[in-house]
Amino acid sequence: MFRKLFKVFFDKFVMAISQFRARRKVSGGRYTKESKKLKNKGSLATLTGIGKLKKRSLRTRGGIIKTRTLYSDVANVYDPKSKKYVKAKIETVIESPSDRNFIRRNIMTKGAIIKTDKGNARITNRPGQEGSINAILIK
């Protein structure tokens, strides 16, 4: 519900996210136009939460397919002692280097520390762009 309202709000009131270079230099001079305008726009971040598995596929430029994980409650956790991967149930987010508000909202990003039934683990991939959550157990 909140995501739908959030998306509707941002689609109407926020400017387009562009990844173009600025038109003017730091000195105030203008850059010369080198090529024609291409479709070069970004998108809002996928905020992966804890919940029943839900994914979305997105076709990007060049035909590449990104699988966005919207919700997940399972992580592929690597145990360095036994050198094996196990599936672990995600309980909560403990720490997040991206944003301190992501902790209370249980949003998972790369580098976030999550509490699983196997122990605490650090996420090593980008769940919003790769379709799964990989983590490594920490002491």
N, C-alpha and C. Protein backbone atom coordinates (compact mmCIF):
# COMPACT_ATOMS: atom_id res chain seq x y z
N MET A 1 0.83 -1.19 0.00
CA MET A 1 0.00 0.00 0.00
C MET A 1 0.88 1.26 0.00
N PHE A 2 1.83 1.28 0.94
CA PHE A 2 2.70 2.45 1.05
C PHE A 2 3.54 2.62 -0.20
N ARG A 3 4.05 1.50 -0.75
CA ARG A 3 4.87 1.58 -1.96
C ARG A 3 4.08 2.19 -3.12
N LYS A 4 2.81 1.80 -3.26
CA LYS A 4 1.99 2.33 -4.35
C LYS A 4 1.81 3.84 -4.20
N LEU A 5 1.49 4.29 -2.96
CA LEU A 5 1.31 5.72 -2.73
C LEU A 5 2.62 6.46 -2.96
N PHE A 6 3.73 5.87 -2.50
CA PHE A 6 5.06 6.45 -2.67
C PHE A 6 5.37 6.63 -4.15
N LYS A 7 5.09 5.58 -4.96
CA LYS A 7 5.37 5.63 -6.39
C LYS A 7 4.51 6.68 -7.08
N VAL A 8 3.21 6.75 -6.74
CA VAL A 8 2.31 7.73 -7.34
C VAL A 8 2.79 9.13 -7.01
N PHE A 9 3.19 9.36 -5.76
CA PHE A 9 3.67 10.67 -5.35
C PHE A 9 4.90 11.07 -6.14
N PHE A 10 5.89 10.18 -6.23
CA PHE A 10 7.12 10.52 -6.92
C PHE A 10 6.94 10.63 -8.42
N ASP A 11 6.04 9.87 -9.00
CA ASP A 11 5.81 9.98 -10.44
C ASP A 11 5.22 11.34 -10.80
N LYS A 12 4.46 11.94 -9.89
CA LYS A 12 3.80 13.19 -10.21
C LYS A 12 4.62 14.42 -9.84
N PHE A 13 5.33 14.37 -8.72
CA PHE A 13 5.90 15.59 -8.17
C PHE A 13 7.41 15.68 -8.20
N VAL A 14 8.10 14.64 -8.59
CA VAL A 14 9.56 14.67 -8.58
C VAL A 14 10.06 14.77 -10.01
N MET A 15 11.11 15.56 -10.19
CA MET A 15 11.69 15.69 -11.53
C MET A 15 12.30 14.37 -11.97
N ALA A 16 12.51 14.22 -13.24
CA ALA A 16 13.10 13.00 -13.78
C ALA A 16 14.53 12.84 -13.27
N ILE A 17 14.92 11.61 -13.04
CA ILE A 17 16.28 11.32 -12.59
C ILE A 17 17.13 11.14 -13.83
N SER A 18 18.09 12.02 -14.01
CA SER A 18 18.92 11.99 -15.20
C SER A 18 20.36 11.71 -14.84
N GLN A 19 21.07 11.03 -15.73
CA GLN A 19 22.47 10.77 -15.50
C GLN A 19 23.33 11.46 -16.55
N PHE A 20 22.82 12.52 -17.13
CA PHE A 20 23.57 13.31 -18.08
C PHE A 20 24.62 14.15 -17.37
N ARG A 21 25.65 14.53 -18.09
CA ARG A 21 26.64 15.47 -17.58
C ARG A 21 25.99 16.86 -17.54
N ALA A 22 26.43 17.71 -16.66
CA ALA A 22 25.90 19.07 -16.58
C ALA A 22 26.17 19.83 -17.88
N ARG A 23 25.33 20.78 -18.21
CA ARG A 23 25.50 21.57 -19.44
C ARG A 23 26.60 22.60 -19.30
N ARG A 24 26.86 23.05 -18.06
CA ARG A 24 27.85 24.09 -17.83
C ARG A 24 29.02 23.57 -17.01
N LYS A 25 30.17 24.16 -17.26
CA LYS A 25 31.39 23.81 -16.54
C LYS A 25 31.37 24.50 -15.18
N VAL A 26 32.33 24.15 -14.33
CA VAL A 26 32.45 24.79 -13.02
C VAL A 26 32.70 26.28 -13.19
N SER A 27 33.44 26.64 -14.24
CA SER A 27 33.76 28.05 -14.50
C SER A 27 32.57 28.83 -15.03
N GLY A 28 31.52 28.15 -15.46
CA GLY A 28 30.34 28.82 -16.01
C GLY A 28 30.24 28.70 -17.51
N GLY A 29 31.33 28.25 -18.16
CA GLY A 29 31.30 28.06 -19.61
C GLY A 29 30.45 26.86 -19.98
N ARG A 30 30.10 26.80 -21.26
CA ARG A 30 29.26 25.70 -21.72
C ARG A 30 30.09 24.61 -22.37
N TYR A 31 29.62 23.36 -22.19
CA TYR A 31 30.22 22.24 -22.92
C TYR A 31 29.64 22.23 -24.32
N THR A 32 30.44 21.82 -25.30
CA THR A 32 29.90 21.68 -26.65
C THR A 32 29.19 20.34 -26.76
N LYS A 33 28.12 20.32 -27.51
CA LYS A 33 27.34 19.11 -27.66
C LYS A 33 28.07 18.15 -28.59
N GLU A 34 28.38 16.95 -28.11
CA GLU A 34 29.16 16.00 -28.88
C GLU A 34 28.30 15.00 -29.66
N SER A 35 27.18 14.62 -29.11
CA SER A 35 26.35 13.62 -29.77
C SER A 35 24.88 13.95 -29.55
N LYS A 36 24.04 13.23 -30.26
CA LYS A 36 22.62 13.49 -30.08
C LYS A 36 22.15 12.92 -28.74
N LYS A 37 21.01 13.38 -28.31
CA LYS A 37 20.48 12.99 -27.01
C LYS A 37 20.01 11.53 -27.05
N LEU A 38 20.46 10.76 -26.09
CA LEU A 38 20.04 9.37 -25.98
C LEU A 38 19.19 9.19 -24.73
N LYS A 39 18.49 8.09 -24.70
CA LYS A 39 17.69 7.81 -23.52
C LYS A 39 18.65 7.40 -22.40
N ASN A 40 18.91 8.31 -21.51
CA ASN A 40 19.92 8.09 -20.48
C ASN A 40 19.35 8.54 -19.14
N LYS A 41 18.35 7.83 -18.67
CA LYS A 41 17.74 8.24 -17.41
C LYS A 41 17.82 7.12 -16.39
N GLY A 42 17.80 7.46 -15.13
CA GLY A 42 17.90 6.49 -14.05
C GLY A 42 16.52 6.12 -13.52
N SER A 43 16.50 5.47 -12.39
CA SER A 43 15.25 5.09 -11.75
C SER A 43 15.43 5.16 -10.25
N LEU A 44 14.32 5.10 -9.55
CA LEU A 44 14.36 5.11 -8.10
C LEU A 44 14.96 3.81 -7.58
N ALA A 45 15.54 3.86 -6.41
CA ALA A 45 16.16 2.68 -5.81
C ALA A 45 15.09 1.65 -5.44
N THR A 46 15.46 0.37 -5.58
CA THR A 46 14.58 -0.70 -5.14
C THR A 46 14.90 -0.97 -3.68
N LEU A 47 13.97 -0.70 -2.81
CA LEU A 47 14.19 -0.88 -1.38
C LEU A 47 13.70 -2.27 -0.98
N THR A 48 14.63 -3.22 -0.90
CA THR A 48 14.30 -4.61 -0.61
C THR A 48 13.96 -4.78 0.86
N GLY A 49 12.76 -5.27 1.13
CA GLY A 49 12.31 -5.45 2.50
C GLY A 49 12.25 -6.91 2.89
N ILE A 50 11.88 -7.16 4.15
CA ILE A 50 11.75 -8.52 4.65
C ILE A 50 10.29 -8.92 4.52
N GLY A 51 10.05 -10.06 3.89
CA GLY A 51 8.69 -10.56 3.70
C GLY A 51 8.69 -11.72 2.73
N LYS A 52 7.50 -12.17 2.38
CA LYS A 52 7.37 -13.28 1.43
C LYS A 52 8.01 -12.88 0.10
N LEU A 53 8.73 -13.83 -0.53
CA LEU A 53 9.51 -13.55 -1.74
C LEU A 53 8.65 -12.92 -2.84
N LYS A 54 9.10 -11.77 -3.34
CA LYS A 54 8.42 -11.07 -4.42
C LYS A 54 9.47 -10.42 -5.28
N LYS A 55 9.44 -10.69 -6.60
CA LYS A 55 10.44 -10.17 -7.53
C LYS A 55 9.77 -9.46 -8.69
N ARG A 56 10.53 -8.59 -9.35
CA ARG A 56 10.09 -7.93 -10.58
C ARG A 56 11.25 -8.01 -11.58
N SER A 57 10.92 -8.25 -12.84
CA SER A 57 11.93 -8.24 -13.89
C SER A 57 11.86 -6.92 -14.63
N LEU A 58 13.03 -6.41 -15.01
CA LEU A 58 13.11 -5.13 -15.67
C LEU A 58 14.08 -5.24 -16.84
N ARG A 59 13.64 -4.85 -18.03
CA ARG A 59 14.53 -4.85 -19.19
C ARG A 59 15.23 -3.52 -19.24
N THR A 60 16.55 -3.56 -19.27
CA THR A 60 17.33 -2.34 -19.31
C THR A 60 17.91 -2.15 -20.70
N ARG A 61 18.70 -1.13 -20.85
CA ARG A 61 19.28 -0.82 -22.14
C ARG A 61 20.26 -1.91 -22.58
N GLY A 62 20.17 -2.30 -23.82
CA GLY A 62 21.02 -3.37 -24.34
C GLY A 62 20.39 -4.74 -24.17
N GLY A 63 19.13 -4.78 -23.71
CA GLY A 63 18.44 -6.06 -23.57
C GLY A 63 18.77 -6.82 -22.30
N ILE A 64 19.52 -6.20 -21.40
CA ILE A 64 19.87 -6.86 -20.15
C ILE A 64 18.66 -6.90 -19.24
N ILE A 65 18.43 -8.04 -18.61
CA ILE A 65 17.30 -8.21 -17.70
C ILE A 65 17.81 -8.13 -16.27
N LYS A 66 17.26 -7.21 -15.49
CA LYS A 66 17.57 -7.12 -14.07
C LYS A 66 16.38 -7.69 -13.30
N THR A 67 16.65 -8.53 -12.35
CA THR A 67 15.60 -9.06 -11.50
C THR A 67 15.68 -8.33 -10.17
N ARG A 68 14.67 -7.55 -9.90
CA ARG A 68 14.65 -6.77 -8.67
C ARG A 68 13.92 -7.54 -7.58
N THR A 69 14.55 -7.69 -6.44
CA THR A 69 13.93 -8.35 -5.30
C THR A 69 13.23 -7.28 -4.47
N LEU A 70 11.91 -7.34 -4.41
CA LEU A 70 11.16 -6.38 -3.62
C LEU A 70 11.07 -6.82 -2.16
N TYR A 71 10.81 -8.12 -1.95
CA TYR A 71 10.75 -8.69 -0.60
C TYR A 71 11.42 -10.05 -0.62
N SER A 72 12.06 -10.40 0.49
CA SER A 72 12.64 -11.73 0.63
C SER A 72 12.79 -12.03 2.12
N ASP A 73 12.60 -13.31 2.47
CA ASP A 73 12.79 -13.72 3.86
C ASP A 73 13.85 -14.81 3.98
N VAL A 74 14.55 -15.11 2.87
CA VAL A 74 15.58 -16.14 2.86
C VAL A 74 16.86 -15.57 2.24
N ALA A 75 18.01 -15.95 2.81
CA ALA A 75 19.30 -15.53 2.28
C ALA A 75 20.19 -16.74 2.08
N ASN A 76 21.05 -16.70 1.06
CA ASN A 76 22.07 -17.72 0.86
C ASN A 76 23.28 -17.30 1.68
N VAL A 77 23.51 -17.99 2.79
CA VAL A 77 24.55 -17.58 3.74
C VAL A 77 25.75 -18.52 3.61
N TYR A 78 26.94 -17.92 3.47
CA TYR A 78 28.19 -18.67 3.37
C TYR A 78 28.82 -18.78 4.75
N ASP A 79 29.14 -20.02 5.16
CA ASP A 79 29.81 -20.26 6.43
C ASP A 79 31.30 -20.46 6.16
N PRO A 80 32.16 -19.54 6.60
CA PRO A 80 33.59 -19.66 6.30
C PRO A 80 34.27 -20.87 6.96
N LYS A 81 33.72 -21.33 8.10
CA LYS A 81 34.34 -22.48 8.79
C LYS A 81 34.11 -23.77 8.03
N SER A 82 32.87 -24.04 7.66
CA SER A 82 32.56 -25.28 6.93
C SER A 82 32.72 -25.11 5.42
N LYS A 83 32.89 -23.85 4.97
CA LYS A 83 33.05 -23.51 3.55
C LYS A 83 31.87 -24.00 2.70
N LYS A 84 30.68 -23.80 3.22
CA LYS A 84 29.46 -24.21 2.51
C LYS A 84 28.41 -23.11 2.61
N TYR A 85 27.52 -23.10 1.61
CA TYR A 85 26.37 -22.20 1.62
C TYR A 85 25.17 -22.91 2.23
N VAL A 86 24.40 -22.19 3.03
CA VAL A 86 23.15 -22.71 3.58
C VAL A 86 22.08 -21.64 3.42
N LYS A 87 20.83 -22.07 3.30
CA LYS A 87 19.72 -21.12 3.26
C LYS A 87 19.34 -20.79 4.69
N ALA A 88 19.24 -19.50 4.98
CA ALA A 88 18.91 -19.06 6.32
C ALA A 88 17.73 -18.10 6.27
N LYS A 89 16.88 -18.19 7.28
CA LYS A 89 15.72 -17.31 7.37
C LYS A 89 16.16 -15.96 7.95
N ILE A 90 15.78 -14.88 7.28
CA ILE A 90 16.14 -13.53 7.73
C ILE A 90 15.15 -13.09 8.80
N GLU A 91 15.68 -12.61 9.92
CA GLU A 91 14.82 -12.14 11.02
C GLU A 91 14.68 -10.62 11.02
N THR A 92 15.81 -9.91 10.96
CA THR A 92 15.77 -8.45 10.99
C THR A 92 17.08 -7.87 10.47
N VAL A 93 17.08 -6.56 10.25
CA VAL A 93 18.29 -5.84 9.84
C VAL A 93 18.88 -5.21 11.10
N ILE A 94 20.17 -5.46 11.35
CA ILE A 94 20.83 -4.96 12.55
C ILE A 94 21.56 -3.64 12.27
N GLU A 95 22.26 -3.58 11.14
CA GLU A 95 23.08 -2.42 10.83
C GLU A 95 23.07 -2.19 9.32
N SER A 96 23.09 -0.92 8.92
CA SER A 96 23.11 -0.60 7.50
C SER A 96 24.03 0.58 7.25
N PRO A 97 25.09 0.39 6.41
CA PRO A 97 26.00 1.50 6.14
C PRO A 97 25.39 2.55 5.21
N SER A 98 24.35 2.18 4.47
CA SER A 98 23.74 3.11 3.51
C SER A 98 22.98 4.22 4.19
N ASP A 99 22.14 3.84 5.15
CA ASP A 99 21.27 4.82 5.79
C ASP A 99 20.81 4.27 7.13
N ARG A 100 20.92 5.04 8.18
CA ARG A 100 20.53 4.53 9.49
C ARG A 100 19.02 4.30 9.61
N ASN A 101 18.23 4.98 8.77
CA ASN A 101 16.79 4.77 8.80
C ASN A 101 16.38 3.44 8.17
N PHE A 102 17.27 2.84 7.37
CA PHE A 102 16.98 1.53 6.78
C PHE A 102 16.89 0.44 7.84
N ILE A 103 17.50 0.66 9.01
CA ILE A 103 17.50 -0.36 10.06
C ILE A 103 16.08 -0.56 10.58
N ARG A 104 15.41 0.50 10.96
CA ARG A 104 14.07 0.34 11.52
C ARG A 104 13.02 -0.01 10.47
N ARG A 105 13.33 0.30 9.20
CA ARG A 105 12.40 -0.07 8.12
C ARG A 105 12.70 -1.45 7.55
N ASN A 106 13.78 -2.11 8.05
CA ASN A 106 14.20 -3.44 7.61
C ASN A 106 14.44 -3.49 6.10
N ILE A 107 15.18 -2.50 5.60
CA ILE A 107 15.54 -2.45 4.18
C ILE A 107 16.95 -2.98 4.02
N MET A 108 17.12 -3.94 3.10
CA MET A 108 18.41 -4.60 2.92
C MET A 108 19.13 -4.06 1.70
N THR A 109 20.39 -3.67 1.91
CA THR A 109 21.25 -3.20 0.83
C THR A 109 22.59 -3.92 0.96
N LYS A 110 23.48 -3.69 0.00
CA LYS A 110 24.80 -4.29 0.07
C LYS A 110 25.55 -3.73 1.28
N GLY A 111 26.15 -4.63 2.05
CA GLY A 111 26.90 -4.22 3.24
C GLY A 111 26.09 -4.23 4.51
N ALA A 112 24.76 -4.38 4.41
CA ALA A 112 23.92 -4.40 5.60
C ALA A 112 24.16 -5.68 6.39
N ILE A 113 24.07 -5.57 7.71
CA ILE A 113 24.22 -6.74 8.57
C ILE A 113 22.83 -7.19 8.98
N ILE A 114 22.53 -8.46 8.70
CA ILE A 114 21.22 -9.02 8.99
C ILE A 114 21.33 -10.10 10.05
N LYS A 115 20.26 -10.26 10.81
CA LYS A 115 20.20 -11.33 11.81
C LYS A 115 19.44 -12.49 11.18
N THR A 116 20.09 -13.66 11.13
CA THR A 116 19.46 -14.86 10.57
C THR A 116 19.38 -15.93 11.65
N ASP A 117 18.72 -17.04 11.32
CA ASP A 117 18.65 -18.14 12.29
C ASP A 117 20.01 -18.85 12.44
N LYS A 118 20.95 -18.62 11.54
CA LYS A 118 22.30 -19.20 11.63
C LYS A 118 23.27 -18.27 12.34
N GLY A 119 22.91 -17.00 12.52
CA GLY A 119 23.77 -16.00 13.15
C GLY A 119 23.74 -14.72 12.33
N ASN A 120 24.55 -13.76 12.74
CA ASN A 120 24.62 -12.49 12.02
C ASN A 120 25.42 -12.66 10.73
N ALA A 121 24.96 -11.97 9.66
CA ALA A 121 25.62 -12.09 8.36
C ALA A 121 25.62 -10.74 7.66
N ARG A 122 26.64 -10.53 6.82
CA ARG A 122 26.76 -9.30 6.03
C ARG A 122 26.37 -9.59 4.59
N ILE A 123 25.51 -8.77 4.01
CA ILE A 123 25.06 -8.96 2.63
C ILE A 123 26.19 -8.56 1.69
N THR A 124 26.50 -9.44 0.73
CA THR A 124 27.64 -9.21 -0.16
C THR A 124 27.22 -8.86 -1.58
N ASN A 125 25.95 -8.91 -1.90
CA ASN A 125 25.51 -8.56 -3.25
C ASN A 125 24.47 -7.44 -3.18
N ARG A 126 23.93 -7.07 -4.34
CA ARG A 126 22.93 -6.00 -4.41
C ARG A 126 21.56 -6.61 -4.65
N PRO A 127 20.77 -6.84 -3.61
CA PRO A 127 19.49 -7.53 -3.77
C PRO A 127 18.49 -6.78 -4.65
N GLY A 128 18.59 -5.46 -4.72
CA GLY A 128 17.68 -4.67 -5.55
C GLY A 128 17.96 -4.81 -7.03
N GLN A 129 19.10 -5.42 -7.41
CA GLN A 129 19.44 -5.55 -8.82
C GLN A 129 19.77 -6.97 -9.25
N GLU A 130 19.93 -7.89 -8.32
CA GLU A 130 20.40 -9.22 -8.68
C GLU A 130 19.40 -10.34 -8.45
N GLY A 131 18.33 -10.11 -7.74
CA GLY A 131 17.28 -11.12 -7.62
C GLY A 131 17.44 -12.10 -6.48
N SER A 132 18.51 -12.03 -5.71
CA SER A 132 18.68 -12.92 -4.56
C SER A 132 19.49 -12.18 -3.51
N ILE A 133 19.58 -12.78 -2.31
CA ILE A 133 20.37 -12.19 -1.25
C ILE A 133 21.46 -13.17 -0.86
N ASN A 134 22.71 -12.76 -1.06
CA ASN A 134 23.87 -13.56 -0.66
C ASN A 134 24.53 -12.87 0.52
N ALA A 135 24.94 -13.65 1.51
CA ALA A 135 25.56 -13.08 2.69
C ALA A 135 26.67 -13.99 3.20
N ILE A 136 27.51 -13.45 4.09
CA ILE A 136 28.58 -14.23 4.69
C ILE A 136 28.48 -14.07 6.21
N LEU A 137 28.59 -15.19 6.94
CA LEU A 137 28.50 -15.15 8.39
C LEU A 137 29.66 -14.35 8.97
N ILE A 138 29.33 -13.57 9.99
CA ILE A 138 30.37 -12.81 10.69
C ILE A 138 30.39 -13.25 12.14
N LYS A 139 31.50 -13.01 12.81
CA LYS A 139 31.65 -13.46 14.20
C LYS A 139 30.82 -12.65 15.15
